[in-house]
N, C-alpha and C. Protein backbone atom coordinates (compact mmCIF):
# COMPACT_ATOMS: atom_id res chain seq x y z
N MET A 1 238.48 -81.72 -195.91
CA MET A 1 237.46 -82.67 -195.49
C MET A 1 236.42 -81.99 -194.61
N LYS A 2 236.86 -81.13 -193.71
CA LYS A 2 235.95 -80.41 -192.82
C LYS A 2 235.00 -79.53 -193.64
N TYR A 3 235.52 -78.85 -194.65
CA TYR A 3 234.73 -78.01 -195.54
C TYR A 3 233.67 -78.83 -196.27
N PHE A 4 234.02 -79.98 -196.81
CA PHE A 4 233.07 -80.86 -197.50
C PHE A 4 231.97 -81.30 -196.57
N TYR A 5 232.29 -81.66 -195.33
CA TYR A 5 231.32 -82.10 -194.35
C TYR A 5 230.30 -81.01 -194.07
N CYS A 6 230.73 -79.75 -193.95
CA CYS A 6 229.82 -78.62 -193.71
C CYS A 6 228.85 -78.45 -194.87
N ILE A 7 229.32 -78.53 -196.09
CA ILE A 7 228.45 -78.39 -197.26
C ILE A 7 227.45 -79.53 -197.32
N LEU A 8 227.87 -80.75 -197.03
CA LEU A 8 226.98 -81.90 -197.04
C LEU A 8 225.84 -81.70 -196.05
N ILE A 9 226.13 -81.23 -194.87
CA ILE A 9 225.10 -80.99 -193.87
C ILE A 9 224.14 -79.91 -194.37
N LEU A 10 224.64 -78.85 -194.98
CA LEU A 10 223.78 -77.79 -195.49
C LEU A 10 222.90 -78.28 -196.63
N ILE A 11 223.43 -79.12 -197.50
CA ILE A 11 222.62 -79.67 -198.59
C ILE A 11 221.49 -80.51 -198.02
N ILE A 12 221.77 -81.36 -197.09
CA ILE A 12 220.75 -82.24 -196.51
C ILE A 12 219.67 -81.42 -195.82
N SER A 13 220.01 -80.32 -195.20
CA SER A 13 219.03 -79.53 -194.46
C SER A 13 218.33 -78.48 -195.30
N SER A 14 218.58 -78.42 -196.59
CA SER A 14 218.04 -77.34 -197.40
C SER A 14 216.85 -77.72 -198.25
N CYS A 15 216.16 -78.77 -197.93
CA CYS A 15 215.06 -79.24 -198.77
C CYS A 15 213.87 -78.29 -198.83
N SER A 16 213.68 -77.43 -197.86
CA SER A 16 212.49 -76.60 -197.85
C SER A 16 212.69 -75.23 -198.50
N VAL A 17 213.87 -74.90 -198.98
CA VAL A 17 214.12 -73.62 -199.62
C VAL A 17 214.76 -73.83 -200.97
N ASN A 18 214.67 -72.82 -201.84
CA ASN A 18 215.22 -72.96 -203.18
C ASN A 18 216.75 -72.95 -203.21
N LYS A 19 217.37 -72.06 -202.44
CA LYS A 19 218.83 -71.98 -202.42
C LYS A 19 219.27 -71.74 -200.99
N LYS A 20 220.47 -72.14 -200.70
CA LYS A 20 221.02 -71.93 -199.37
C LYS A 20 222.47 -71.51 -199.54
N GLU A 21 222.88 -70.53 -198.76
CA GLU A 21 224.27 -70.09 -198.83
C GLU A 21 225.05 -70.71 -197.69
N ALA A 22 226.23 -71.21 -198.02
CA ALA A 22 227.11 -71.79 -197.01
C ALA A 22 228.33 -70.89 -196.90
N SER A 23 228.50 -70.31 -195.75
CA SER A 23 229.64 -69.42 -195.55
C SER A 23 230.80 -70.19 -194.94
N THR A 24 231.96 -69.96 -195.45
CA THR A 24 233.18 -70.51 -194.88
C THR A 24 234.11 -69.33 -194.63
N GLN A 25 235.23 -69.59 -194.07
CA GLN A 25 236.18 -68.51 -193.80
C GLN A 25 236.73 -67.91 -195.09
N LYS A 26 236.75 -68.68 -196.16
CA LYS A 26 237.35 -68.22 -197.41
C LYS A 26 236.34 -67.60 -198.36
N SER A 27 235.12 -68.14 -198.47
CA SER A 27 234.18 -67.62 -199.45
C SER A 27 232.75 -68.09 -199.14
N THR A 28 231.81 -67.62 -199.94
CA THR A 28 230.41 -68.02 -199.82
C THR A 28 230.04 -68.81 -201.06
N HIS A 29 229.37 -69.94 -200.88
CA HIS A 29 228.97 -70.80 -201.98
C HIS A 29 227.46 -70.96 -201.98
N VAL A 30 226.85 -70.98 -203.15
CA VAL A 30 225.42 -71.21 -203.26
C VAL A 30 225.20 -72.69 -203.49
N ILE A 31 224.35 -73.26 -202.67
CA ILE A 31 224.07 -74.69 -202.77
C ILE A 31 222.62 -74.86 -203.19
N GLU A 32 222.40 -75.52 -204.28
CA GLU A 32 221.04 -75.78 -204.75
C GLU A 32 220.38 -76.80 -203.84
N LYS A 33 219.09 -76.65 -203.64
CA LYS A 33 218.37 -77.57 -202.77
C LYS A 33 218.25 -78.95 -203.40
N LEU A 34 218.05 -79.93 -202.55
CA LEU A 34 217.70 -81.26 -203.03
C LEU A 34 216.27 -81.21 -203.52
N VAL A 35 215.91 -82.03 -204.45
CA VAL A 35 214.55 -82.04 -204.97
C VAL A 35 213.63 -82.58 -203.90
N SER A 36 212.57 -81.84 -203.62
CA SER A 36 211.62 -82.29 -202.61
C SER A 36 210.77 -83.42 -203.19
N LEU A 37 210.09 -84.14 -202.31
CA LEU A 37 209.28 -85.27 -202.75
C LEU A 37 208.21 -84.86 -203.74
N LYS A 38 207.54 -83.73 -203.51
CA LYS A 38 206.47 -83.32 -204.41
C LYS A 38 207.01 -83.02 -205.80
N GLU A 39 208.23 -82.54 -205.90
CA GLU A 39 208.81 -82.28 -207.21
C GLU A 39 209.17 -83.57 -207.93
N GLU A 40 209.39 -84.64 -207.20
CA GLU A 40 209.72 -85.92 -207.80
C GLU A 40 208.49 -86.64 -208.34
N LEU A 41 207.31 -86.19 -207.95
CA LEU A 41 206.09 -86.84 -208.41
C LEU A 41 206.07 -86.84 -209.93
N SER A 42 206.04 -88.00 -210.52
CA SER A 42 206.00 -88.11 -211.97
C SER A 42 205.26 -89.38 -212.34
N ILE A 43 204.82 -89.42 -213.57
CA ILE A 43 204.12 -90.60 -214.07
C ILE A 43 205.01 -91.83 -213.94
N GLN A 44 206.26 -91.70 -214.32
CA GLN A 44 207.17 -92.83 -214.29
C GLN A 44 207.32 -93.38 -212.87
N ASN A 45 207.52 -92.50 -211.90
CA ASN A 45 207.68 -92.95 -210.52
C ASN A 45 206.41 -93.59 -209.99
N LEU A 46 205.28 -92.97 -210.24
CA LEU A 46 204.03 -93.47 -209.68
C LEU A 46 203.59 -94.81 -210.29
N MET A 47 203.89 -95.05 -211.54
CA MET A 47 203.49 -96.30 -212.18
C MET A 47 204.34 -97.49 -211.71
N LEU A 48 205.40 -97.23 -210.99
CA LEU A 48 206.26 -98.30 -210.47
C LEU A 48 205.90 -98.71 -209.05
N LEU A 49 205.01 -97.95 -208.41
CA LEU A 49 204.70 -98.18 -207.00
C LEU A 49 203.26 -98.63 -206.80
N THR A 50 203.04 -99.48 -205.82
CA THR A 50 201.67 -99.80 -205.43
C THR A 50 201.11 -98.57 -204.73
N LYS A 51 199.81 -98.56 -204.48
CA LYS A 51 199.19 -97.43 -203.79
C LYS A 51 199.82 -97.24 -202.41
N GLU A 52 200.02 -98.31 -201.72
CA GLU A 52 200.58 -98.25 -200.37
C GLU A 52 201.99 -97.65 -200.39
N GLU A 53 202.80 -98.06 -201.36
CA GLU A 53 204.16 -97.54 -201.48
C GLU A 53 204.16 -96.05 -201.85
N ALA A 54 203.27 -95.68 -202.77
CA ALA A 54 203.20 -94.27 -203.20
C ALA A 54 202.74 -93.36 -202.08
N VAL A 55 201.73 -93.78 -201.32
CA VAL A 55 201.24 -92.97 -200.21
C VAL A 55 202.32 -92.83 -199.14
N ALA A 56 203.07 -93.89 -198.90
CA ALA A 56 204.15 -93.82 -197.92
C ALA A 56 205.28 -92.91 -198.40
N LYS A 57 205.61 -92.99 -199.68
CA LYS A 57 206.73 -92.21 -200.22
C LYS A 57 206.38 -90.73 -200.40
N TYR A 58 205.19 -90.44 -200.91
CA TYR A 58 204.83 -89.07 -201.25
C TYR A 58 203.91 -88.40 -200.23
N GLU A 59 203.87 -88.95 -199.04
CA GLU A 59 203.12 -88.36 -197.95
C GLU A 59 201.61 -88.39 -198.24
N LYS A 60 200.91 -87.58 -197.51
CA LYS A 60 199.46 -87.59 -197.57
C LYS A 60 198.95 -87.10 -198.93
N ALA A 61 198.05 -87.86 -199.48
CA ALA A 61 197.41 -87.48 -200.74
C ALA A 61 196.35 -86.41 -200.46
N SER A 62 196.07 -85.60 -201.45
CA SER A 62 195.06 -84.54 -201.30
C SER A 62 193.65 -85.10 -201.37
N PHE A 63 193.42 -86.09 -202.21
CA PHE A 63 192.10 -86.70 -202.36
C PHE A 63 192.26 -88.21 -202.54
N ILE A 64 191.38 -88.98 -201.92
CA ILE A 64 191.34 -90.43 -202.11
C ILE A 64 189.88 -90.83 -202.21
N GLU A 65 189.57 -91.62 -203.22
CA GLU A 65 188.20 -92.12 -203.38
C GLU A 65 188.26 -93.55 -203.89
N ARG A 66 187.30 -94.36 -203.46
CA ARG A 66 187.20 -95.75 -203.91
C ARG A 66 185.84 -95.92 -204.59
N PHE A 67 185.83 -96.62 -205.72
CA PHE A 67 184.58 -96.89 -206.44
C PHE A 67 184.75 -98.16 -207.26
N THR A 68 183.64 -98.72 -207.70
CA THR A 68 183.71 -99.85 -208.62
C THR A 68 183.80 -99.29 -210.04
N LEU A 69 184.46 -100.01 -210.91
CA LEU A 69 184.71 -99.52 -212.26
C LEU A 69 183.41 -99.15 -212.98
N ASP A 70 182.34 -99.88 -212.74
CA ASP A 70 181.08 -99.55 -213.42
C ASP A 70 180.49 -98.22 -212.95
N ASP A 71 181.00 -97.65 -211.87
CA ASP A 71 180.56 -96.34 -211.39
C ASP A 71 181.50 -95.21 -211.81
N ALA A 72 182.44 -95.48 -212.69
CA ALA A 72 183.40 -94.47 -213.15
C ALA A 72 182.78 -93.66 -214.28
N TYR A 73 182.13 -92.57 -213.91
CA TYR A 73 181.47 -91.72 -214.90
C TYR A 73 182.25 -90.44 -215.12
N GLY A 74 182.07 -89.85 -216.28
CA GLY A 74 182.62 -88.54 -216.57
C GLY A 74 183.93 -88.57 -217.33
N GLU A 75 184.21 -87.45 -217.96
CA GLU A 75 185.40 -87.29 -218.78
C GLU A 75 186.68 -87.51 -217.99
N PHE A 76 186.71 -87.05 -216.75
CA PHE A 76 187.89 -87.17 -215.92
C PHE A 76 188.32 -88.63 -215.75
N ARG A 77 187.37 -89.52 -215.61
CA ARG A 77 187.70 -90.94 -215.36
C ARG A 77 187.81 -91.77 -216.63
N ASN A 78 187.78 -91.13 -217.80
CA ASN A 78 188.00 -91.86 -219.05
C ASN A 78 189.36 -92.54 -219.07
N ASN A 79 190.33 -91.93 -218.41
CA ASN A 79 191.67 -92.52 -218.39
C ASN A 79 191.70 -93.90 -217.75
N ILE A 80 190.88 -94.11 -216.76
CA ILE A 80 190.84 -95.44 -216.13
C ILE A 80 189.90 -96.37 -216.88
N THR A 81 188.75 -95.90 -217.29
CA THR A 81 187.81 -96.80 -217.97
C THR A 81 188.37 -97.31 -219.29
N ASN A 82 189.17 -96.50 -219.96
CA ASN A 82 189.76 -96.92 -221.24
C ASN A 82 190.82 -98.01 -221.08
N GLN A 83 191.21 -98.32 -219.87
CA GLN A 83 192.18 -99.39 -219.63
C GLN A 83 191.55 -100.78 -219.65
N TYR A 84 190.22 -100.83 -219.74
CA TYR A 84 189.48 -102.09 -219.62
C TYR A 84 188.57 -102.29 -220.83
N ILE A 85 188.29 -103.55 -221.14
CA ILE A 85 187.34 -103.86 -222.21
C ILE A 85 185.91 -103.66 -221.68
N GLN A 86 184.95 -103.59 -222.57
CA GLN A 86 183.56 -103.28 -222.21
C GLN A 86 183.00 -104.23 -221.15
N GLU A 87 183.28 -105.52 -221.26
CA GLU A 87 182.76 -106.48 -220.28
C GLU A 87 183.29 -106.18 -218.87
N GLU A 88 184.54 -105.77 -218.80
CA GLU A 88 185.12 -105.42 -217.50
C GLU A 88 184.53 -104.12 -216.96
N ARG A 89 184.24 -103.17 -217.85
CA ARG A 89 183.69 -101.88 -217.43
C ARG A 89 182.34 -102.01 -216.74
N VAL A 90 181.54 -102.96 -217.17
CA VAL A 90 180.20 -103.12 -216.56
C VAL A 90 180.22 -104.10 -215.39
N SER A 91 181.34 -104.75 -215.19
CA SER A 91 181.48 -105.67 -214.07
C SER A 91 181.47 -104.90 -212.76
N LYS A 92 180.82 -105.44 -211.78
CA LYS A 92 180.78 -104.79 -210.47
C LYS A 92 181.87 -105.35 -209.55
N THR A 93 182.83 -106.08 -210.11
CA THR A 93 183.85 -106.72 -209.29
C THR A 93 185.19 -106.00 -209.30
N ILE A 94 185.39 -105.05 -210.20
CA ILE A 94 186.67 -104.35 -210.27
C ILE A 94 186.58 -103.09 -209.42
N ILE A 95 187.41 -103.05 -208.38
CA ILE A 95 187.41 -101.91 -207.46
C ILE A 95 188.61 -101.03 -207.78
N ILE A 96 188.37 -99.73 -207.83
CA ILE A 96 189.39 -98.75 -208.18
C ILE A 96 189.59 -97.78 -207.02
N ASP A 97 190.85 -97.53 -206.68
CA ASP A 97 191.20 -96.46 -205.74
C ASP A 97 191.76 -95.32 -206.57
N GLU A 98 191.18 -94.14 -206.37
CA GLU A 98 191.62 -92.93 -207.07
C GLU A 98 192.35 -92.05 -206.05
N VAL A 99 193.63 -91.78 -206.32
CA VAL A 99 194.44 -91.01 -205.38
C VAL A 99 195.03 -89.82 -206.13
N THR A 100 194.86 -88.62 -205.54
CA THR A 100 195.35 -87.39 -206.17
C THR A 100 196.31 -86.68 -205.23
N TRP A 101 197.47 -86.32 -205.79
CA TRP A 101 198.47 -85.55 -205.05
C TRP A 101 198.62 -84.19 -205.71
N GLU A 102 198.99 -83.20 -204.92
CA GLU A 102 199.33 -81.89 -205.45
C GLU A 102 200.80 -81.93 -205.87
N LYS A 103 201.05 -81.76 -207.16
CA LYS A 103 202.43 -81.77 -207.66
C LYS A 103 203.11 -80.44 -207.38
N ASP A 104 202.41 -79.35 -207.67
CA ASP A 104 202.92 -78.01 -207.40
C ASP A 104 201.73 -77.06 -207.32
N LYS A 105 201.98 -75.76 -207.34
CA LYS A 105 200.90 -74.78 -207.17
C LYS A 105 199.88 -74.82 -208.30
N GLU A 106 200.22 -75.39 -209.43
CA GLU A 106 199.35 -75.36 -210.60
C GLU A 106 198.90 -76.72 -211.09
N THR A 107 199.43 -77.81 -210.51
CA THR A 107 199.23 -79.13 -211.11
C THR A 107 198.85 -80.19 -210.09
N TRP A 108 197.93 -81.07 -210.50
CA TRP A 108 197.55 -82.27 -209.74
C TRP A 108 198.03 -83.49 -210.53
N ILE A 109 198.28 -84.58 -209.82
CA ILE A 109 198.52 -85.88 -210.45
C ILE A 109 197.56 -86.88 -209.80
N THR A 110 196.76 -87.54 -210.64
CA THR A 110 195.82 -88.56 -210.16
C THR A 110 196.27 -89.91 -210.67
N VAL A 111 196.25 -90.89 -209.77
CA VAL A 111 196.58 -92.27 -210.13
C VAL A 111 195.39 -93.14 -209.78
N TRP A 112 195.02 -94.01 -210.71
CA TRP A 112 193.95 -94.98 -210.46
C TRP A 112 194.60 -96.34 -210.26
N TYR A 113 194.29 -96.95 -209.13
CA TYR A 113 194.82 -98.25 -208.76
C TYR A 113 193.71 -99.28 -208.78
N GLU A 114 193.99 -100.43 -209.37
CA GLU A 114 193.06 -101.55 -209.28
C GLU A 114 193.35 -102.28 -207.97
N VAL A 115 192.31 -102.42 -207.16
CA VAL A 115 192.46 -103.09 -205.87
C VAL A 115 192.41 -104.59 -206.11
N GLN A 116 193.48 -105.25 -205.76
CA GLN A 116 193.54 -106.70 -205.87
C GLN A 116 193.58 -107.28 -204.47
N GLU A 117 193.77 -108.55 -204.34
CA GLU A 117 193.67 -109.22 -203.04
C GLU A 117 194.43 -108.52 -201.92
N SER A 118 195.72 -108.32 -202.09
CA SER A 118 196.50 -107.77 -200.98
C SER A 118 197.13 -106.41 -201.28
N LYS A 119 196.98 -105.89 -202.50
CA LYS A 119 197.58 -104.61 -202.83
C LYS A 119 196.82 -103.92 -203.96
N SER A 120 197.16 -102.68 -204.17
CA SER A 120 196.56 -101.89 -205.25
C SER A 120 197.61 -101.61 -206.31
N ILE A 121 197.31 -101.97 -207.55
CA ILE A 121 198.25 -101.87 -208.66
C ILE A 121 197.90 -100.64 -209.52
N PRO A 122 198.88 -99.80 -209.87
CA PRO A 122 198.57 -98.63 -210.71
C PRO A 122 198.15 -99.06 -212.12
N LYS A 123 197.06 -98.46 -212.59
CA LYS A 123 196.54 -98.78 -213.93
C LYS A 123 196.60 -97.59 -214.86
N ALA A 124 196.42 -96.37 -214.34
CA ALA A 124 196.44 -95.17 -215.18
C ALA A 124 196.84 -93.97 -214.33
N VAL A 125 197.47 -92.99 -215.00
CA VAL A 125 197.88 -91.75 -214.34
C VAL A 125 197.41 -90.59 -215.21
N TYR A 126 197.00 -89.52 -214.55
CA TYR A 126 196.56 -88.33 -215.27
C TYR A 126 197.14 -87.10 -214.58
N VAL A 127 197.86 -86.27 -215.33
CA VAL A 127 198.41 -85.02 -214.83
C VAL A 127 197.52 -83.91 -215.37
N TRP A 128 197.02 -83.06 -214.46
CA TRP A 128 196.08 -82.03 -214.90
C TRP A 128 196.27 -80.74 -214.12
N GLU A 129 195.86 -79.63 -214.76
CA GLU A 129 196.01 -78.33 -214.16
C GLU A 129 194.89 -78.04 -213.18
N LYS A 130 195.22 -77.37 -212.09
CA LYS A 130 194.21 -76.95 -211.15
C LYS A 130 193.24 -76.00 -211.85
N GLY A 131 191.99 -76.10 -211.51
CA GLY A 131 190.98 -75.26 -212.12
C GLY A 131 190.36 -75.85 -213.37
N THR A 132 190.87 -77.01 -213.83
CA THR A 132 190.31 -77.66 -215.00
C THR A 132 188.90 -78.14 -214.67
N GLU A 133 187.97 -77.90 -215.58
CA GLU A 133 186.60 -78.37 -215.39
C GLU A 133 186.33 -79.56 -216.29
N PHE A 134 185.72 -80.59 -215.71
CA PHE A 134 185.42 -81.81 -216.48
C PHE A 134 183.94 -81.96 -216.65
């Protein structure tokens, strides 16, 4: 039981490194790290959370911008504009929050949330490589 307790403590404290070795009197064991929050960032997870929940869970976002849907120009924002019919696209009443997190050294994840009365609901997600030009 004492041995198990030591490994549990090492697992919990190893989130910032890839592997951690736990030495005991009998042998050395390699303990894989727990998945960090940034590694958990996925389309499935983000589409289940409001903007407020996602920002709280995944820490500070790298970029946040708010705009009305009729101001969503460019290839990058096609993912959000395609979620709406033409009449909604030209409406000046739909407000969108665009939030981007760094997933890893090579990848960004952007989520577009429709701002409603008391919360922001995820409408579209886009995973893209850093350095991509739109």
